[in-house]
Amino acid sequence: MPNKNKHLQGVVYSTDPQYQYLNAEEPAPESLPHPKQQLRVRIEKHHRGGKTVTIINGFIGKEVDLRQLAKTLKQKCGTGGSVKDGLILIQGEMRDKVVNMLKELGYAAK
């Protein structure tokens, strides 16, 4: 199956019939142990239609582990949220609750 994102890899067209396009994907870093994670929790209202969102950033590791942490936090808060660009977004002003939950899970959080 041909690669649909050839233009993203720097080579658009090659006259060499033996040319192989290289995957530019980097392997995800291994997730750090919980106590070594330096997570930051903040509240944001800007550009959100007046809604308050709790944002957790600073997670170093695989996307799967980040999504699992987000799922756990959303379930314990009883609210919705998402994962975007390495950030966990939790709906509502849940900063204190999220910091306490992260500490219970063994993360270093501020």
PDB file of N, CA and C in Angstrom:
ATOM      1  N   MET A   1       0.848  -1.176   0.000  1.00  0.00           N
ATOM      2  CA  MET A   1       0.000   0.000   0.000  1.00  0.00           C
ATOM      3  C   MET A   1       0.890   1.235   0.000  1.00  0.00           C
ATOM      4  N   PRO A   2       0.701   2.163  -0.893  1.00  0.00           N
ATOM      5  CA  PRO A   2       1.560   3.343  -0.958  1.00  0.00           C
ATOM      6  C   PRO A   2       1.341   4.264   0.242  1.00  0.00           C
ATOM      7  N   ASN A   3       2.411   4.950   0.591  1.00  0.00           N
ATOM      8  CA  ASN A   3       2.353   5.886   1.699  1.00  0.00           C
ATOM      9  C   ASN A   3       1.668   7.166   1.247  1.00  0.00           C
ATOM     10  N   LYS A   4       0.603   7.575   1.924  1.00  0.00           N
ATOM     11  CA  LYS A   4      -0.179   8.741   1.525  1.00  0.00           C
ATOM     12  C   LYS A   4       0.471  10.043   1.974  1.00  0.00           C
ATOM     13  N   ASN A   5       1.396   9.990   2.907  1.00  0.00           N
ATOM     14  CA  ASN A   5       2.008  11.197   3.446  1.00  0.00           C
ATOM     15  C   ASN A   5       3.447  11.370   2.967  1.00  0.00           C
ATOM     16  N   LYS A   6       3.713  11.094   1.719  1.00  0.00           N
ATOM     17  CA  LYS A   6       5.068  11.215   1.193  1.00  0.00           C
ATOM     18  C   LYS A   6       5.572  12.641   1.269  1.00  0.00           C
ATOM     19  N   HIS A   7       4.694  13.612   1.032  1.00  0.00           N
ATOM     20  CA  HIS A   7       5.114  15.006   1.038  1.00  0.00           C
ATOM     21  C   HIS A   7       5.567  15.464   2.422  1.00  0.00           C
ATOM     22  N   LEU A   8       5.142  14.789   3.477  1.00  0.00           N
ATOM     23  CA  LEU A   8       5.548  15.156   4.821  1.00  0.00           C
ATOM     24  C   LEU A   8       6.942  14.670   5.150  1.00  0.00           C
ATOM     25  N   GLN A   9       7.494  13.775   4.340  1.00  0.00           N
ATOM     26  CA  GLN A   9       8.794  13.194   4.629  1.00  0.00           C
ATOM     27  C   GLN A   9       9.917  13.872   3.859  1.00  0.00           C
ATOM     28  N   GLY A  10       9.659  14.902   3.103  1.00  0.00           N
ATOM     29  CA  GLY A  10      10.691  15.637   2.418  1.00  0.00           C
ATOM     30  C   GLY A  10      10.892  15.232   0.971  1.00  0.00           C
ATOM     31  N   VAL A  11      10.501  14.032   0.549  1.00  0.00           N
ATOM     32  CA  VAL A  11      10.656  13.588  -0.828  1.00  0.00           C
ATOM     33  C   VAL A  11       9.274  13.489  -1.442  1.00  0.00           C
ATOM     34  N   VAL A  12       9.043  14.262  -2.475  1.00  0.00           N
ATOM     35  CA  VAL A  12       7.745  14.254  -3.121  1.00  0.00           C
ATOM     36  C   VAL A  12       7.717  13.250  -4.257  1.00  0.00           C
ATOM     37  N   TYR A  13       8.835  13.195  -5.015  1.00  0.00           N
ATOM     38  CA  TYR A  13       8.873  12.317  -6.171  1.00  0.00           C
ATOM     39  C   TYR A  13      10.311  11.877  -6.405  1.00  0.00           C
ATOM     40  N   SER A  14      10.498  10.631  -6.773  1.00  0.00           N
ATOM     41  CA  SER A  14      11.827  10.124  -7.085  1.00  0.00           C
ATOM     42  C   SER A  14      11.771   9.366  -8.400  1.00  0.00           C
ATOM     43  N   THR A  15      12.775   9.573  -9.249  1.00  0.00           N
ATOM     44  CA  THR A  15      12.848   8.855 -10.529  1.00  0.00           C
ATOM     45  C   THR A  15      13.489   7.490 -10.359  1.00  0.00           C
ATOM     46  N   ASP A  16      14.046   7.219  -9.211  1.00  0.00           N
ATOM     47  CA  ASP A  16      14.681   5.932  -8.935  1.00  0.00           C
ATOM     48  C   ASP A  16      13.601   4.900  -8.622  1.00  0.00           C
ATOM     49  N   PRO A  17      13.438   3.848  -9.452  1.00  0.00           N
ATOM     50  CA  PRO A  17      12.384   2.867  -9.181  1.00  0.00           C
ATOM     51  C   PRO A  17      12.651   2.029  -7.927  1.00  0.00           C
ATOM     52  N   GLN A  18      13.877   2.013  -7.428  1.00  0.00           N
ATOM     53  CA  GLN A  18      14.220   1.237  -6.232  1.00  0.00           C
ATOM     54  C   GLN A  18      14.158   2.071  -4.951  1.00  0.00           C
ATOM     55  N   TYR A  19      13.754   3.339  -5.063  1.00  0.00           N
ATOM     56  CA  TYR A  19      13.742   4.220  -3.903  1.00  0.00           C
ATOM     57  C   TYR A  19      12.690   3.767  -2.898  1.00  0.00           C
ATOM     58  N   GLN A  20      13.068   3.736  -1.633  1.00  0.00           N
ATOM     59  CA  GLN A  20      12.160   3.369  -0.539  1.00  0.00           C
ATOM     60  C   GLN A  20      11.941   4.590   0.343  1.00  0.00           C
ATOM     61  N   TYR A  21      10.696   4.948   0.553  1.00  0.00           N
ATOM     62  CA  TYR A  21      10.388   6.062   1.439  1.00  0.00           C
ATOM     63  C   TYR A  21      10.641   5.631   2.874  1.00  0.00           C
ATOM     64  N   LEU A  22      11.271   6.518   3.638  1.00  0.00           N
ATOM     65  CA  LEU A  22      11.585   6.224   5.029  1.00  0.00           C
ATOM     66  C   LEU A  22      10.458   6.733   5.916  1.00  0.00           C
ATOM     67  N   ASN A  23      10.138   5.978   6.930  1.00  0.00           N
ATOM     68  CA  ASN A  23       9.145   6.425   7.899  1.00  0.00           C
ATOM     69  C   ASN A  23       9.801   7.402   8.848  1.00  0.00           C
ATOM     70  N   ALA A  24       9.203   8.551   9.006  1.00  0.00           N
ATOM     71  CA  ALA A  24       9.751   9.585   9.874  1.00  0.00           C
ATOM     72  C   ALA A  24       9.261   9.436  11.317  1.00  0.00           C
ATOM     73  N   GLU A  25       8.564   8.375  11.606  1.00  0.00           N
ATOM     74  CA  GLU A  25       8.017   8.182  12.945  1.00  0.00           C
ATOM     75  C   GLU A  25       9.125   7.838  13.923  1.00  0.00           C
ATOM     76  N   GLU A  26       9.107   8.499  15.058  1.00  0.00           N
ATOM     77  CA  GLU A  26      10.053   8.210  16.116  1.00  0.00           C
ATOM     78  C   GLU A  26       9.353   7.319  17.132  1.00  0.00           C
ATOM     79  N   PRO A  27      10.077   6.379  17.712  1.00  0.00           N
ATOM     80  CA  PRO A  27       9.433   5.553  18.733  1.00  0.00           C
ATOM     81  C   PRO A  27       9.107   6.395  19.961  1.00  0.00           C
ATOM     82  N   ALA A  28       7.985   6.109  20.568  1.00  0.00           N
ATOM     83  CA  ALA A  28       7.565   6.848  21.761  1.00  0.00           C
ATOM     84  C   ALA A  28       8.508   6.520  22.916  1.00  0.00           C
ATOM     85  N   PRO A  29       8.846   7.525  23.720  1.00  0.00           N
ATOM     86  CA  PRO A  29       9.728   7.251  24.859  1.00  0.00           C
ATOM     87  C   PRO A  29       9.006   6.374  25.881  1.00  0.00           C
ATOM     88  N   GLU A  30       9.782   5.597  26.596  1.00  0.00           N
ATOM     89  CA  GLU A  30       9.206   4.771  27.652  1.00  0.00           C
ATOM     90  C   GLU A  30       8.653   5.683  28.741  1.00  0.00           C
ATOM     91  N   SER A  31       7.571   5.274  29.343  1.00  0.00           N
ATOM     92  CA  SER A  31       6.963   6.069  30.410  1.00  0.00           C
ATOM     93  C   SER A  31       7.845   6.037  31.644  1.00  0.00           C
ATOM     94  N   LEU A  32       8.049   7.211  32.226  1.00  0.00           N
ATOM     95  CA  LEU A  32       8.820   7.299  33.460  1.00  0.00           C
ATOM     96  C   LEU A  32       8.004   6.713  34.608  1.00  0.00           C
ATOM     97  N   PRO A  33       8.675   6.228  35.652  1.00  0.00           N
ATOM     98  CA  PRO A  33       7.932   5.766  36.830  1.00  0.00           C
ATOM     99  C   PRO A  33       7.113   6.928  37.422  1.00  0.00           C
ATOM    100  N   HIS A  34       6.046   6.594  38.084  1.00  0.00           N
ATOM    101  CA  HIS A  34       5.121   7.605  38.611  1.00  0.00           C
ATOM    102  C   HIS A  34       5.804   8.671  39.455  1.00  0.00           C
ATOM    103  N   PRO A  35       6.672   8.333  40.424  1.00  0.00           N
ATOM    104  CA  PRO A  35       7.268   9.390  41.257  1.00  0.00           C
ATOM    105  C   PRO A  35       8.182  10.334  40.473  1.00  0.00           C
ATOM    106  N   LYS A  36       8.710   9.909  39.335  1.00  0.00           N
ATOM    107  CA  LYS A  36       9.614  10.756  38.552  1.00  0.00           C
ATOM    108  C   LYS A  36       8.874  11.668  37.581  1.00  0.00           C
ATOM    109  N   GLN A  37       7.586  11.470  37.407  1.00  0.00           N
ATOM    110  CA  GLN A  37       6.787  12.340  36.540  1.00  0.00           C
ATOM    111  C   GLN A  37       6.574  13.669  37.261  1.00  0.00           C
ATOM    112  N   GLN A  38       6.817  14.767  36.589  1.00  0.00           N
ATOM    113  CA  GLN A  38       6.580  16.099  37.146  1.00  0.00           C
ATOM    114  C   GLN A  38       5.363  16.698  36.454  1.00  0.00           C
ATOM    115  N   LEU A  39       4.189  16.389  36.946  1.00  0.00           N
ATOM    116  CA  LEU A  39       2.948  16.852  36.329  1.00  0.00           C
ATOM    117  C   LEU A  39       2.540  18.205  36.892  1.00  0.00           C
ATOM    118  N   ARG A  40       2.057  19.071  36.014  1.00  0.00           N
ATOM    119  CA  ARG A  40       1.574  20.392  36.397  1.00  0.00           C
ATOM    120  C   ARG A  40       0.080  20.463  36.105  1.00  0.00           C
ATOM    121  N   VAL A  41      -0.673  20.975  37.053  1.00  0.00           N
ATOM    122  CA  VAL A  41      -2.129  21.081  36.910  1.00  0.00           C
ATOM    123  C   VAL A  41      -2.491  22.559  36.965  1.00  0.00           C
ATOM    124  N   ARG A  42      -3.273  23.011  35.979  1.00  0.00           N
ATOM    125  CA  ARG A  42      -3.696  24.405  35.952  1.00  0.00           C
ATOM    126  C   ARG A  42      -5.138  24.510  35.451  1.00  0.00           C
ATOM    127  N   ILE A  43      -5.730  25.672  35.693  1.00  0.00           N
ATOM    128  CA  ILE A  43      -7.089  25.978  35.245  1.00  0.00           C
ATOM    129  C   ILE A  43      -6.987  26.955  34.078  1.00  0.00           C
ATOM    130  N   GLU A  44      -7.843  26.759  33.077  1.00  0.00           N
ATOM    131  CA  GLU A  44      -7.849  27.668  31.930  1.00  0.00           C
ATOM    132  C   GLU A  44      -9.278  27.930  31.483  1.00  0.00           C
ATOM    133  N   LYS A  45      -9.550  29.196  31.141  1.00  0.00           N
ATOM    134  CA  LYS A  45     -10.871  29.590  30.639  1.00  0.00           C
ATOM    135  C   LYS A  45     -10.789  30.205  29.248  1.00  0.00           C
ATOM    136  N   HIS A  46      -9.610  30.655  28.860  1.00  0.00           N
ATOM    137  CA  HIS A  46      -9.443  31.384  27.600  1.00  0.00           C
ATOM    138  C   HIS A  46      -9.756  30.522  26.391  1.00  0.00           C
ATOM    139  N   HIS A  47     -10.476  31.091  25.439  1.00  0.00           N
ATOM    140  CA  HIS A  47     -10.807  30.447  24.166  1.00  0.00           C
ATOM    141  C   HIS A  47     -11.622  29.173  24.352  1.00  0.00           C
ATOM    142  N   ARG A  48     -12.410  29.116  25.395  1.00  0.00           N
ATOM    143  CA  ARG A  48     -13.211  27.927  25.652  1.00  0.00           C
ATOM    144  C   ARG A  48     -14.678  28.271  25.835  1.00  0.00           C
ATOM    145  N   GLY A  49     -15.090  29.397  25.334  1.00  0.00           N
ATOM    146  CA  GLY A  49     -16.494  29.788  25.416  1.00  0.00           C
ATOM    147  C   GLY A  49     -16.957  30.045  26.832  1.00  0.00           C
ATOM    148  N   GLY A  50     -16.058  30.493  27.718  1.00  0.00           N
ATOM    149  CA  GLY A  50     -16.422  30.767  29.099  1.00  0.00           C
ATOM    150  C   GLY A  50     -16.414  29.547  29.993  1.00  0.00           C
ATOM    151  N   LYS A  51     -16.153  28.383  29.435  1.00  0.00           N
ATOM    152  CA  LYS A  51     -16.114  27.138  30.220  1.00  0.00           C
ATOM    153  C   LYS A  51     -14.734  26.977  30.866  1.00  0.00           C
ATOM    154  N   THR A  52     -14.709  26.403  32.040  1.00  0.00           N
ATOM    155  CA  THR A  52     -13.462  26.172  32.756  1.00  0.00           C
ATOM    156  C   THR A  52     -12.972  24.762  32.464  1.00  0.00           C
ATOM    157  N   VAL A  53     -11.652  24.645  32.243  1.00  0.00           N
ATOM    158  CA  VAL A  53     -11.032  23.357  31.945  1.00  0.00           C
ATOM    159  C   VAL A  53      -9.811  23.198  32.835  1.00  0.00           C
ATOM    160  N   THR A  54      -9.626  22.014  33.401  1.00  0.00           N
ATOM    161  CA  THR A  54      -8.427  21.689  34.153  1.00  0.00           C
ATOM    162  C   THR A  54      -7.455  21.008  33.204  1.00  0.00           C
ATOM    163  N   ILE A  55      -6.224  21.501  33.134  1.00  0.00           N
ATOM    164  CA  ILE A  55      -5.223  20.984  32.199  1.00  0.00           C
ATOM    165  C   ILE A  55      -4.072  20.374  32.977  1.00  0.00           C
ATOM    166  N   ILE A  56      -3.697  19.152  32.606  1.00  0.00           N
ATOM    167  CA  ILE A  56      -2.558  18.456  33.200  1.00  0.00           C
ATOM    168  C   ILE A  56      -1.514  18.299  32.114  1.00  0.00           C
ATOM    169  N   ASN A  57      -0.302  18.811  32.345  1.00  0.00           N
ATOM    170  CA  ASN A  57       0.768  18.647  31.369  1.00  0.00           C
ATOM    171  C   ASN A  57       2.038  18.158  32.051  1.00  0.00           C
ATOM    172  N   GLY A  58       3.033  17.801  31.246  1.00  0.00           N
ATOM    173  CA  GLY A  58       4.307  17.344  31.774  1.00  0.00           C
ATOM    174  C   GLY A  58       4.466  15.838  31.771  1.00  0.00           C
ATOM    175  N   PHE A  59       3.498  15.103  31.228  1.00  0.00           N
ATOM    176  CA  PHE A  59       3.595  13.639  31.209  1.00  0.00           C
ATOM    177  C   PHE A  59       4.636  13.221  30.179  1.00  0.00           C
ATOM    178  N   ILE A  60       5.571  12.370  30.581  1.00  0.00           N
ATOM    179  CA  ILE A  60       6.588  11.852  29.672  1.00  0.00           C
ATOM    180  C   ILE A  60       6.355  10.361  29.535  1.00  0.00           C
ATOM    181  N   GLY A  61       6.064   9.935  28.306  1.00  0.00           N
ATOM    182  CA  GLY A  61       5.846   8.511  28.091  1.00  0.00           C
ATOM    183  C   GLY A  61       4.983   8.238  26.889  1.00  0.00           C
ATOM    184  N   LYS A  62       4.481   7.021  26.856  1.00  0.00           N
ATOM    185  CA  LYS A  62       3.696   6.559  25.724  1.00  0.00           C
ATOM    186  C   LYS A  62       2.297   7.165  25.737  1.00  0.00           C
ATOM    187  N   GLU A  63       1.753   7.307  24.546  1.00  0.00           N
ATOM    188  CA  GLU A  63       0.396   7.852  24.371  1.00  0.00           C
ATOM    189  C   GLU A  63      -0.638   6.957  25.066  1.00  0.00           C
ATOM    190  N   VAL A  64      -0.400   5.655  25.041  1.00  0.00           N
ATOM    191  CA  VAL A  64      -1.334   4.707  25.669  1.00  0.00           C
ATOM    192  C   VAL A  64      -1.413   4.954  27.171  1.00  0.00           C
ATOM    193  N   ASP A  65      -0.267   5.180  27.805  1.00  0.00           N
ATOM    194  CA  ASP A  65      -0.252   5.429  29.247  1.00  0.00           C
ATOM    195  C   ASP A  65      -0.908   6.763  29.583  1.00  0.00           C
ATOM    196  N   LEU A  66      -0.693   7.765  28.731  1.00  0.00           N
ATOM    197  CA  LEU A  66      -1.327   9.066  28.931  1.00  0.00           C
ATOM    198  C   LEU A  66      -2.844   8.942  28.842  1.00  0.00           C
ATOM    199  N   ARG A  67      -3.325   8.208  27.849  1.00  0.00           N
ATOM    200  CA  ARG A  67      -4.781   8.017  27.696  1.00  0.00           C
ATOM    201  C   ARG A  67      -5.366   7.237  28.875  1.00  0.00           C
ATOM    202  N   GLN A  68      -4.622   6.265  29.396  1.00  0.00           N
ATOM    203  CA  GLN A  68      -5.097   5.488  30.546  1.00  0.00           C
ATOM    204  C   GLN A  68      -5.192   6.368  31.788  1.00  0.00           C
ATOM    205  N   LEU A  69      -4.197   7.242  31.994  1.00  0.00           N
ATOM    206  CA  LEU A  69      -4.244   8.169  33.128  1.00  0.00           C
ATOM    207  C   LEU A  69      -5.428   9.120  32.986  1.00  0.00           C
ATOM    208  N   ALA A  70      -5.647   9.631  31.772  1.00  0.00           N
ATOM    209  CA  ALA A  70      -6.788  10.528  31.538  1.00  0.00           C
ATOM    210  C   ALA A  70      -8.097   9.827  31.830  1.00  0.00           C
ATOM    211  N   LYS A  71      -8.215   8.583  31.414  1.00  0.00           N
ATOM    212  CA  LYS A  71      -9.447   7.824  31.649  1.00  0.00           C
ATOM    213  C   LYS A  71      -9.695   7.657  33.148  1.00  0.00           C
ATOM    214  N   THR A  72      -8.644   7.340  33.894  1.00  0.00           N
ATOM    215  CA  THR A  72      -8.767   7.169  35.337  1.00  0.00           C
ATOM    216  C   THR A  72      -9.203   8.473  36.002  1.00  0.00           C
ATOM    217  N   LEU A  73      -8.582   9.582  35.611  1.00  0.00           N
ATOM    218  CA  LEU A  73      -8.931  10.875  36.206  1.00  0.00           C
ATOM    219  C   LEU A  73     -10.361  11.280  35.878  1.00  0.00           C
ATOM    220  N   LYS A  74     -10.781  11.057  34.646  1.00  0.00           N
ATOM    221  CA  LYS A  74     -12.149  11.405  34.252  1.00  0.00           C
ATOM    222  C   LYS A  74     -13.165  10.579  35.038  1.00  0.00           C
ATOM    223  N   GLN A  75     -12.876   9.303  35.234  1.00  0.00           N
ATOM    224  CA  GLN A  75     -13.800   8.446  35.981  1.00  0.00           C
ATOM    225  C   GLN A  75     -13.896   8.883  37.434  1.00  0.00           C
ATOM    226  N   LYS A  76     -12.753   9.203  38.057  1.00  0.00           N
ATOM    227  CA  LYS A  76     -12.761   9.594  39.465  1.00  0.00           C
ATOM    228  C   LYS A  76     -13.375  10.969  39.678  1.00  0.00           C
ATOM    229  N   CYS A  77     -13.248  11.849  38.680  1.00  0.00           N
ATOM    230  CA  CYS A  77     -13.863  13.182  38.786  1.00  0.00           C
ATOM    231  C   CYS A  77     -15.342  13.137  38.423  1.00  0.00           C
ATOM    232  N   GLY A  78     -15.751  12.121  37.693  1.00  0.00           N
ATOM    233  CA  GLY A  78     -17.140  12.019  37.268  1.00  0.00           C
ATOM    234  C   GLY A  78     -17.486  13.049  36.215  1.00  0.00           C
ATOM    235  N   THR A  79     -16.529  13.342  35.343  1.00  0.00           N
ATOM    236  CA  THR A  79     -16.743  14.356  34.316  1.00  0.00           C
ATOM    237  C   THR A  79     -16.055  13.933  33.024  1.00  0.00           C
ATOM    238  N   GLY A  80     -16.260  14.709  31.982  1.00  0.00           N
ATOM    239  CA  GLY A  80     -15.666  14.398  30.693  1.00  0.00           C
ATOM    240  C   GLY A  80     -14.302  15.033  30.546  1.00  0.00           C
ATOM    241  N   GLY A  81     -13.700  14.776  29.400  1.00  0.00           N
ATOM    242  CA  GLY A  81     -12.396  15.341  29.112  1.00  0.00           C
ATOM    243  C   GLY A  81     -11.820  14.708  27.867  1.00  0.00           C
ATOM    244  N   SER A  82     -10.566  15.044  27.578  1.00  0.00           N
ATOM    245  CA  SER A  82      -9.911  14.498  26.401  1.00  0.00           C
ATOM    246  C   SER A  82      -8.402  14.589  26.554  1.00  0.00           C
ATOM    247  N   VAL A  83      -7.706  14.005  25.566  1.00  0.00           N
ATOM    248  CA  VAL A  83      -6.249  14.087  25.484  1.00  0.00           C
ATOM    249  C   VAL A  83      -5.923  14.745  24.158  1.00  0.00           C
ATOM    250  N   LYS A  84      -5.180  15.854  24.197  1.00  0.00           N
ATOM    251  CA  LYS A  84      -4.792  16.567  22.978  1.00  0.00           C
ATOM    252  C   LYS A  84      -3.366  17.076  23.123  1.00  0.00           C
ATOM    253  N   ASP A  85      -2.537  16.791  22.150  1.00  0.00           N
ATOM    254  CA  ASP A  85      -1.170  17.312  22.088  1.00  0.00           C
ATOM    255  C   ASP A  85      -0.377  17.065  23.365  1.00  0.00           C
ATOM    256  N   GLY A  86      -0.529  15.911  23.960  1.00  0.00           N
ATOM    257  CA  GLY A  86       0.215  15.575  25.165  1.00  0.00           C
ATOM    258  C   GLY A  86      -0.348  16.177  26.439  1.00  0.00           C
ATOM    259  N   LEU A  87      -1.520  16.797  26.358  1.00  0.00           N
ATOM    260  CA  LEU A  87      -2.184  17.385  27.520  1.00  0.00           C
ATOM    261  C   LEU A  87      -3.430  16.591  27.859  1.00  0.00           C
ATOM    262  N   ILE A  88      -3.739  16.527  29.138  1.00  0.00           N
ATOM    263  CA  ILE A  88      -5.002  15.935  29.572  1.00  0.00           C
ATOM    264  C   ILE A  88      -5.924  17.089  29.918  1.00  0.00           C
ATOM    265  N   LEU A  89      -7.096  17.116  29.306  1.00  0.00           N
ATOM    266  CA  LEU A  89      -8.090  18.159  29.557  1.00  0.00           C
ATOM    267  C   LEU A  89      -9.258  17.544  30.307  1.00  0.00           C
ATOM    268  N   ILE A  90      -9.562  18.075  31.481  1.00  0.00           N
ATOM    269  CA  ILE A  90     -10.683  17.616  32.306  1.00  0.00           C
ATOM    270  C   ILE A  90     -11.676  18.762  32.385  1.00  0.00           C
ATOM    271  N   GLN A  91     -12.940  18.492  32.118  1.00  0.00           N
ATOM    272  CA  GLN A  91     -13.961  19.535  32.141  1.00  0.00           C
ATOM    273  C   GLN A  91     -14.226  19.989  33.570  1.00  0.00           C
ATOM    274  N   GLY A  92     -14.311  21.286  33.745  1.00  0.00           N
ATOM    275  CA  GLY A  92     -14.641  21.847  35.053  1.00  0.00           C
ATOM    276  C   GLY A  92     -13.406  22.248  35.840  1.00  0.00           C
ATOM    277  N   GLU A  93     -13.657  22.923  36.956  1.00  0.00           N
ATOM    278  CA  GLU A  93     -12.576  23.372  37.828  1.00  0.00           C
ATOM    279  C   GLU A  93     -12.299  22.285  38.873  1.00  0.00           C
ATOM    280  N   MET A  94     -11.390  21.398  38.531  1.00  0.00           N
ATOM    281  CA  MET A  94     -11.101  20.222  39.357  1.00  0.00           C
ATOM    282  C   MET A  94      -9.645  20.188  39.822  1.00  0.00           C
ATOM    283  N   ARG A  95      -8.969  21.337  39.879  1.00  0.00           N
ATOM    284  CA  ARG A  95      -7.532  21.369  40.157  1.00  0.00           C
ATOM    285  C   ARG A  95      -7.171  20.654  41.455  1.00  0.00           C
ATOM    286  N   ASP A  96      -7.788  21.021  42.559  1.00  0.00           N
ATOM    287  CA  ASP A  96      -7.432  20.426  43.850  1.00  0.00           C
ATOM    288  C   ASP A  96      -7.727  18.932  43.876  1.00  0.00           C
ATOM    289  N   LYS A  97      -8.864  18.551  43.334  1.00  0.00           N
ATOM    290  CA  LYS A  97      -9.259  17.149  43.296  1.00  0.00           C
ATOM    291  C   LYS A  97      -8.275  16.329  42.447  1.00  0.00           C
ATOM    292  N   VAL A  98      -7.863  16.877  41.287  1.00  0.00           N
ATOM    293  CA  VAL A  98      -6.945  16.180  40.390  1.00  0.00           C
ATOM    294  C   VAL A  98      -5.567  16.046  41.028  1.00  0.00           C
ATOM    295  N   VAL A  99      -5.082  17.100  41.672  1.00  0.00           N
ATOM    296  CA  VAL A  99      -3.776  17.040  42.330  1.00  0.00           C
ATOM    297  C   VAL A  99      -3.786  15.963  43.413  1.00  0.00           C
ATOM    298  N   ASN A 100      -4.843  15.899  44.214  1.00  0.00           N
ATOM    299  CA  ASN A 100      -4.941  14.875  45.258  1.00  0.00           C
ATOM    300  C   ASN A 100      -4.986  13.472  44.660  1.00  0.00           C
ATOM    301  N   MET A 101      -5.734  13.296  43.568  1.00  0.00           N
ATOM    302  CA  MET A 101      -5.808  11.980  42.937  1.00  0.00           C
ATOM    303  C   MET A 101      -4.466  11.564  42.359  1.00  0.00           C
ATOM    304  N   LEU A 102      -3.761  12.504  41.727  1.00  0.00           N
ATOM    305  CA  LEU A 102      -2.448  12.185  41.161  1.00  0.00           C
ATOM    306  C   LEU A 102      -1.462  11.784  42.253  1.00  0.00           C
ATOM    307  N   LYS A 103      -1.515  12.467  43.388  1.00  0.00           N
ATOM    308  CA  LYS A 103      -0.631  12.109  44.499  1.00  0.00           C
ATOM    309  C   LYS A 103      -0.980  10.739  45.051  1.00  0.00           C
ATOM    310  N   GLU A 104      -2.276  10.411  45.115  1.00  0.00           N
ATOM    311  CA  GLU A 104      -2.687   9.073  45.565  1.00  0.00           C
ATOM    312  C   GLU A 104      -2.186   7.992  44.612  1.00  0.00           C
ATOM    313  N   LEU A 105      -2.136   8.315  43.317  1.00  0.00           N
ATOM    314  CA  LEU A 105      -1.646   7.355  42.324  1.00  0.00           C
ATOM    315  C   LEU A 105      -0.127   7.273  42.288  1.00  0.00           C
ATOM    316  N   GLY A 106       0.548   8.130  43.055  1.00  0.00           N
ATOM    317  CA  GLY A 106       2.004   8.073  43.150  1.00  0.00           C
ATOM    318  C   GLY A 106       2.742   9.059  42.260  1.00  0.00           C
ATOM    319  N   TYR A 107       2.033   9.980  41.612  1.00  0.00           N
ATOM    320  CA  TYR A 107       2.673  10.966  40.744  1.00  0.00           C
ATOM    321  C   TYR A 107       3.102  12.172  41.571  1.00  0.00           C
ATOM    322  N   ALA A 108       4.167  12.852  41.115  1.00  0.00           N
ATOM    323  CA  ALA A 108       4.560  14.123  41.695  1.00  0.00           C
ATOM    324  C   ALA A 108       3.791  15.200  40.945  1.00  0.00           C
ATOM    325  N   ALA A 109       2.870  15.869  41.621  1.00  0.00           N
ATOM    326  CA  ALA A 109       2.013  16.842  40.945  1.00  0.00           C
ATOM    327  C   ALA A 109       1.962  18.136  41.728  1.00  0.00           C
ATOM    328  N   LYS A 110       1.894  19.237  40.997  1.00  0.00           N
ATOM    329  CA  LYS A 110       1.760  20.569  41.600  1.00  0.00           C
ATOM    330  C   LYS A 110       0.621  21.291  40.952  1.00  0.00           C
TER     331      LYS A 110
END
